[in-house]
Amino acid sequence: MLLVIVKPIWQHFRTYWLGQVFQANYFSYHFCVPTFMLIQMTFPPTRGETIKLVAQMFKVTYEFAEKRLAMFGSRINSMLFFEKLHTYI
């Protein structure tokens, strides 16, 4: 006897909906504070001053700027990591 467990349709919708929410949030960070503009900026020496500068320049909240800079820093660090990795291969 073959037993098949099927998820209720609302669980599939919930997974789809959460994915859509994630994409919308991700888009909002990049739309409000574009990466190409961050790359062109000269940042102050401290993290707090940098967050305040980004928040003021792009007219976003401090928390929003903090999250966006964390995303930006993560991307830059991963790019540097793969560049170094590529030089060793």
Protein backbone atom coordinates (compact mmCIF):
# COMPACT_ATOMS: atom_id res chain seq x y z
CA MET A 1 0.00 0.00 0.00
CA LEU A 2 1.36 3.37 -1.04
CA LEU A 3 0.71 6.17 1.39
CA VAL A 4 0.92 9.66 -0.05
CA ILE A 5 0.87 12.64 2.24
CA VAL A 6 -0.39 15.77 0.55
CA LYS A 7 0.01 19.18 2.10
CA PRO A 8 -3.14 21.24 2.32
CA ILE A 9 -3.35 23.90 -0.36
CA TRP A 10 -2.99 26.72 2.20
CA GLN A 11 0.52 25.51 3.08
CA HIS A 12 1.61 25.78 -0.55
CA PHE A 13 0.07 29.25 -0.74
CA ARG A 14 1.79 30.26 2.51
CA THR A 15 5.18 29.19 1.14
CA TYR A 16 4.55 31.08 -2.10
CA TRP A 17 3.32 34.16 -0.24
CA LEU A 18 6.33 34.24 2.10
CA GLY A 19 8.63 34.05 -0.91
CA GLN A 20 6.82 37.00 -2.48
CA VAL A 21 7.12 39.01 0.74
CA PHE A 22 10.86 38.29 0.90
CA GLN A 23 11.32 39.43 -2.71
CA ALA A 24 9.32 42.60 -2.11
CA ASN A 25 11.36 43.48 0.98
CA TYR A 26 14.64 42.76 -0.82
CA PHE A 27 13.53 44.96 -3.73
CA SER A 28 12.57 47.82 -1.42
CA TYR A 29 16.06 47.92 0.12
CA HIS A 30 17.71 48.05 -3.30
CA PHE A 31 15.18 50.51 -4.73
CA CYS A 32 15.46 53.00 -1.85
CA VAL A 33 19.25 52.72 -1.47
CA PRO A 34 20.74 51.62 -4.81
CA THR A 35 23.99 49.66 -4.82
CA PHE A 36 25.58 51.77 -7.55
CA MET A 37 25.10 54.87 -5.38
CA LEU A 38 26.59 53.19 -2.32
CA ILE A 39 29.65 52.21 -4.33
CA GLN A 40 30.22 55.85 -5.33
CA MET A 41 29.96 57.18 -1.75
CA THR A 42 32.81 58.04 0.59
CA PHE A 43 31.91 56.72 4.02
CA PRO A 44 32.72 58.33 7.39
CA PRO A 45 35.14 56.44 9.67
CA THR A 46 32.55 55.02 12.09
CA ARG A 47 29.65 52.66 11.48
CA GLY A 48 27.14 54.87 13.29
CA GLU A 49 28.07 57.95 11.27
CA THR A 50 27.82 55.91 8.07
CA ILE A 51 24.34 54.70 8.95
CA LYS A 52 23.22 58.26 9.79
CA LEU A 53 24.67 59.56 6.52
CA VAL A 54 22.88 56.92 4.44
CA ALA A 55 19.62 57.47 6.36
CA GLN A 56 19.76 61.22 5.78
CA MET A 57 20.94 61.05 2.17
CA PHE A 58 18.30 58.55 1.04
CA LYS A 59 15.55 59.71 3.42
CA VAL A 60 15.10 56.32 5.08
CA THR A 61 14.95 55.33 8.74
CA TYR A 62 18.07 54.54 10.74
CA GLU A 63 17.05 50.88 11.00
CA PHE A 64 16.43 50.65 7.25
CA ALA A 65 19.85 52.18 6.50
CA GLU A 66 21.50 49.84 9.00
CA LYS A 67 19.95 46.76 7.37
CA ARG A 68 20.80 47.98 3.85
CA LEU A 69 24.44 48.63 4.81
CA ALA A 70 24.64 45.15 6.35
CA MET A 71 23.37 43.71 3.06
CA PHE A 72 25.85 45.84 1.11
CA GLY A 73 28.75 44.84 3.39
CA SER A 74 27.88 41.18 3.05
CA ARG A 75 27.89 41.46 -0.74
CA ILE A 76 31.24 43.28 -0.79
CA ASN A 77 32.79 40.73 1.58
CA SER A 78 31.58 37.81 -0.52
CA MET A 79 32.96 39.45 -3.69
CA LEU A 80 36.35 39.96 -2.02
CA PHE A 81 36.34 36.38 -0.75
CA PHE A 82 35.69 34.93 -4.20
CA GLU A 83 38.29 37.20 -5.79
CA LYS A 84 40.91 35.94 -3.32
CA LEU A 85 39.74 32.37 -3.78
CA HIS A 86 40.06 32.74 -7.54
CA THR A 87 43.67 33.95 -7.21
CA TYR A 88 44.60 30.75 -5.32
CA ILE A 89 42.99 28.41 -7.83
